[in-house]
Amino acid sequence: MPTSDDFRDALRSQLRAAELGGLPHVEINAGELHRKLGGYPGTNHQMPICCQVMEQERRALDETISGPPSGKGASLTVRYRLPR
């Protein structure tokens, strides 16, 4: 199962790639991020950890585009402003 470090590394990798591509922002979805690392969907998924890492990486101008009422679910999508 992916760890918080795995999620953080994957998230930061996507942010770097978008930044190098000259994008003004990138939207990252928790379900897609978790699927790339494996274990989702599944009974032992780590979605709460994935969402927690996504929230920890947020900065002042970043915004939540969509998400579940609990804030921790596959529909969580954050628009991260670039450059970081």
N, C-alpha and C. Protein backbone atom coordinates (compact mmCIF):
# COMPACT_ATOMS: atom_id res chain seq x y z
N MET A 1 0.83 -1.18 0.00
CA MET A 1 0.00 0.00 0.00
C MET A 1 0.88 1.25 0.00
N PRO A 2 0.45 2.28 -0.71
CA PRO A 2 1.23 3.52 -0.74
C PRO A 2 1.24 4.22 0.62
N THR A 3 2.34 4.85 0.91
CA THR A 3 2.50 5.60 2.16
C THR A 3 2.31 7.09 1.88
N SER A 4 2.30 7.88 2.93
CA SER A 4 2.19 9.33 2.75
C SER A 4 3.37 9.86 1.94
N ASP A 5 4.55 9.30 2.15
CA ASP A 5 5.72 9.73 1.36
C ASP A 5 5.53 9.40 -0.11
N ASP A 6 4.94 8.24 -0.40
CA ASP A 6 4.68 7.85 -1.80
C ASP A 6 3.71 8.85 -2.45
N PHE A 7 2.64 9.19 -1.72
CA PHE A 7 1.68 10.15 -2.26
C PHE A 7 2.33 11.52 -2.46
N ARG A 8 3.13 11.94 -1.48
CA ARG A 8 3.79 13.24 -1.57
C ARG A 8 4.74 13.29 -2.76
N ASP A 9 5.52 12.24 -2.94
CA ASP A 9 6.46 12.18 -4.07
C ASP A 9 5.72 12.23 -5.40
N ALA A 10 4.63 11.48 -5.51
CA ALA A 10 3.87 11.44 -6.75
C ALA A 10 3.20 12.79 -7.03
N LEU A 11 2.67 13.40 -6.01
CA LEU A 11 2.03 14.71 -6.15
C LEU A 11 3.05 15.76 -6.57
N ARG A 12 4.17 15.79 -5.91
CA ARG A 12 5.20 16.78 -6.23
C ARG A 12 5.76 16.55 -7.63
N SER A 13 5.82 15.31 -8.05
CA SER A 13 6.28 15.00 -9.40
C SER A 13 5.32 15.58 -10.44
N GLN A 14 4.02 15.45 -10.21
CA GLN A 14 3.02 16.02 -11.12
C GLN A 14 3.10 17.54 -11.12
N LEU A 15 3.31 18.13 -9.95
CA LEU A 15 3.43 19.58 -9.86
C LEU A 15 4.67 20.07 -10.63
N ARG A 16 5.79 19.37 -10.48
CA ARG A 16 7.02 19.75 -11.19
C ARG A 16 6.83 19.65 -12.69
N ALA A 17 6.21 18.56 -13.15
CA ALA A 17 6.00 18.37 -14.58
C ALA A 17 5.13 19.48 -15.16
N ALA A 18 4.08 19.84 -14.46
CA ALA A 18 3.20 20.91 -14.93
C ALA A 18 3.94 22.25 -14.92
N GLU A 19 4.74 22.47 -13.90
CA GLU A 19 5.51 23.71 -13.80
C GLU A 19 6.52 23.82 -14.94
N LEU A 20 7.22 22.72 -15.21
CA LEU A 20 8.18 22.71 -16.31
C LEU A 20 7.49 22.90 -17.66
N GLY A 21 6.23 22.49 -17.73
CA GLY A 21 5.45 22.67 -18.96
C GLY A 21 4.92 24.09 -19.11
N GLY A 22 5.20 24.95 -18.13
CA GLY A 22 4.79 26.34 -18.22
C GLY A 22 3.33 26.60 -17.92
N LEU A 23 2.66 25.65 -17.28
CA LEU A 23 1.25 25.83 -16.97
C LEU A 23 1.05 26.80 -15.81
N PRO A 24 -0.06 27.55 -15.81
CA PRO A 24 -0.33 28.47 -14.71
C PRO A 24 -0.89 27.75 -13.47
N HIS A 25 -1.45 26.56 -13.69
CA HIS A 25 -1.99 25.75 -12.60
C HIS A 25 -2.18 24.32 -13.10
N VAL A 26 -2.40 23.43 -12.15
CA VAL A 26 -2.71 22.04 -12.49
C VAL A 26 -3.76 21.54 -11.50
N GLU A 27 -4.72 20.80 -12.01
CA GLU A 27 -5.75 20.22 -11.15
C GLU A 27 -5.43 18.74 -10.94
N ILE A 28 -5.39 18.36 -9.68
CA ILE A 28 -5.05 16.97 -9.34
C ILE A 28 -6.20 16.39 -8.55
N ASN A 29 -6.61 15.19 -8.97
CA ASN A 29 -7.72 14.48 -8.37
C ASN A 29 -7.18 13.34 -7.50
N ALA A 30 -7.72 13.21 -6.30
CA ALA A 30 -7.23 12.20 -5.35
C ALA A 30 -7.42 10.78 -5.88
N GLY A 31 -8.56 10.51 -6.50
CA GLY A 31 -8.80 9.17 -7.03
C GLY A 31 -7.78 8.79 -8.09
N GLU A 32 -7.48 9.72 -8.99
CA GLU A 32 -6.50 9.45 -10.04
C GLU A 32 -5.09 9.28 -9.46
N LEU A 33 -4.75 10.14 -8.50
CA LEU A 33 -3.43 10.05 -7.87
C LEU A 33 -3.27 8.69 -7.18
N HIS A 34 -4.29 8.27 -6.44
CA HIS A 34 -4.21 6.99 -5.73
C HIS A 34 -4.16 5.83 -6.71
N ARG A 35 -4.94 5.88 -7.79
CA ARG A 35 -4.92 4.79 -8.78
C ARG A 35 -3.53 4.60 -9.38
N LYS A 36 -2.82 5.71 -9.62
CA LYS A 36 -1.48 5.62 -10.20
C LYS A 36 -0.52 4.88 -9.29
N LEU A 37 -0.74 4.99 -7.98
CA LEU A 37 0.15 4.33 -7.03
C LEU A 37 -0.33 2.94 -6.64
N GLY A 38 -1.56 2.61 -7.01
CA GLY A 38 -2.10 1.29 -6.71
C GLY A 38 -2.88 1.26 -5.40
N GLY A 39 -3.66 0.21 -5.26
CA GLY A 39 -4.41 -0.01 -4.02
C GLY A 39 -5.78 0.63 -4.00
N TYR A 40 -6.13 1.35 -5.09
CA TYR A 40 -7.45 1.98 -5.14
C TYR A 40 -8.05 1.71 -6.49
N PRO A 41 -9.28 1.31 -6.57
CA PRO A 41 -10.14 1.01 -5.43
C PRO A 41 -9.78 -0.33 -4.80
N GLY A 42 -10.13 -0.51 -3.60
CA GLY A 42 -9.86 -1.74 -2.88
C GLY A 42 -10.25 -1.60 -1.42
N THR A 43 -10.29 -2.71 -0.75
CA THR A 43 -10.73 -2.69 0.65
C THR A 43 -9.69 -2.09 1.59
N ASN A 44 -8.43 -2.09 1.19
CA ASN A 44 -7.36 -1.55 2.03
C ASN A 44 -6.81 -0.23 1.50
N HIS A 45 -7.64 0.53 0.78
CA HIS A 45 -7.14 1.77 0.18
C HIS A 45 -6.65 2.75 1.24
N GLN A 46 -5.86 3.70 0.78
CA GLN A 46 -5.27 4.71 1.66
C GLN A 46 -5.77 6.11 1.28
N MET A 47 -7.03 6.21 0.85
CA MET A 47 -7.57 7.48 0.39
C MET A 47 -7.48 8.59 1.43
N PRO A 48 -7.77 8.33 2.71
CA PRO A 48 -7.62 9.41 3.69
C PRO A 48 -6.21 9.98 3.75
N ILE A 49 -5.21 9.13 3.61
CA ILE A 49 -3.82 9.58 3.63
C ILE A 49 -3.51 10.38 2.37
N CYS A 50 -4.00 9.90 1.23
CA CYS A 50 -3.81 10.61 -0.05
C CYS A 50 -4.38 12.02 0.06
N CYS A 51 -5.60 12.15 0.55
CA CYS A 51 -6.25 13.46 0.68
C CYS A 51 -5.53 14.34 1.69
N GLN A 52 -5.05 13.75 2.75
CA GLN A 52 -4.32 14.51 3.76
C GLN A 52 -3.07 15.12 3.15
N VAL A 53 -2.34 14.34 2.37
CA VAL A 53 -1.13 14.84 1.72
C VAL A 53 -1.48 15.95 0.74
N MET A 54 -2.55 15.77 -0.02
CA MET A 54 -2.97 16.81 -0.96
C MET A 54 -3.27 18.12 -0.23
N GLU A 55 -3.91 18.02 0.92
CA GLU A 55 -4.22 19.22 1.72
C GLU A 55 -2.95 19.83 2.31
N GLN A 56 -2.03 19.00 2.74
CA GLN A 56 -0.77 19.50 3.31
C GLN A 56 0.05 20.27 2.29
N GLU A 57 -0.08 19.91 1.02
CA GLU A 57 0.69 20.56 -0.05
C GLU A 57 0.03 21.83 -0.56
N ARG A 58 -1.17 22.13 -0.08
CA ARG A 58 -1.87 23.34 -0.52
C ARG A 58 -1.16 24.60 -0.04
N ARG A 59 -1.22 25.63 -0.86
CA ARG A 59 -0.72 26.95 -0.49
C ARG A 59 -1.87 27.94 -0.55
N ALA A 60 -1.60 29.17 -0.19
CA ALA A 60 -2.66 30.18 -0.03
C ALA A 60 -3.54 30.35 -1.26
N LEU A 61 -2.98 30.33 -2.46
CA LEU A 61 -3.77 30.58 -3.66
C LEU A 61 -4.34 29.32 -4.30
N ASP A 62 -4.02 28.16 -3.76
CA ASP A 62 -4.58 26.91 -4.27
C ASP A 62 -6.03 26.81 -3.84
N GLU A 63 -6.84 26.08 -4.61
CA GLU A 63 -8.25 25.98 -4.25
C GLU A 63 -8.81 24.60 -4.51
N THR A 64 -9.76 24.22 -3.68
CA THR A 64 -10.47 22.97 -3.86
C THR A 64 -11.53 23.18 -4.92
N ILE A 65 -11.47 22.38 -5.97
CA ILE A 65 -12.42 22.47 -7.08
C ILE A 65 -13.66 21.64 -6.76
N SER A 66 -13.45 20.46 -6.22
CA SER A 66 -14.57 19.61 -5.81
C SER A 66 -14.09 18.63 -4.75
N GLY A 67 -15.05 18.07 -4.04
CA GLY A 67 -14.70 17.09 -3.02
C GLY A 67 -15.91 16.68 -2.23
N PRO A 68 -15.79 15.59 -1.51
CA PRO A 68 -16.89 15.10 -0.70
C PRO A 68 -17.06 15.96 0.55
N PRO A 69 -18.20 15.87 1.21
CA PRO A 69 -18.43 16.65 2.43
C PRO A 69 -17.35 16.42 3.51
N SER A 70 -16.86 15.21 3.60
CA SER A 70 -15.84 14.92 4.62
C SER A 70 -14.49 15.51 4.26
N GLY A 71 -14.31 15.85 2.98
CA GLY A 71 -13.03 16.37 2.54
C GLY A 71 -12.03 15.31 2.19
N LYS A 72 -12.34 14.07 2.48
CA LYS A 72 -11.41 12.97 2.22
C LYS A 72 -12.11 11.89 1.40
N GLY A 73 -11.93 11.97 0.08
CA GLY A 73 -12.53 11.00 -0.82
C GLY A 73 -11.98 11.14 -2.22
N ALA A 74 -12.29 10.17 -3.06
CA ALA A 74 -11.74 10.11 -4.41
C ALA A 74 -12.12 11.30 -5.26
N SER A 75 -13.19 11.99 -4.94
CA SER A 75 -13.60 13.13 -5.76
C SER A 75 -12.85 14.42 -5.43
N LEU A 76 -12.02 14.41 -4.39
CA LEU A 76 -11.27 15.61 -4.03
C LEU A 76 -10.39 16.03 -5.20
N THR A 77 -10.58 17.25 -5.65
CA THR A 77 -9.77 17.81 -6.74
C THR A 77 -9.30 19.19 -6.31
N VAL A 78 -7.98 19.37 -6.37
CA VAL A 78 -7.37 20.63 -5.96
C VAL A 78 -6.68 21.26 -7.15
N ARG A 79 -6.89 22.58 -7.33
CA ARG A 79 -6.17 23.34 -8.34
C ARG A 79 -4.98 23.98 -7.63
N TYR A 80 -3.79 23.49 -8.01
CA TYR A 80 -2.56 24.02 -7.45
C TYR A 80 -2.01 25.08 -8.40
N ARG A 81 -1.78 26.27 -7.88
CA ARG A 81 -1.22 27.37 -8.69
C ARG A 81 0.27 27.16 -8.89
N LEU A 82 0.73 27.52 -10.06
CA LEU A 82 2.14 27.38 -10.41
C LEU A 82 2.69 28.76 -10.79
N PRO A 83 3.96 29.01 -10.63
CA PRO A 83 4.96 28.11 -10.07
C PRO A 83 4.81 27.98 -8.56
N ARG A 84 5.38 26.92 -8.04
CA ARG A 84 5.33 26.66 -6.61
C ARG A 84 6.39 27.49 -5.97
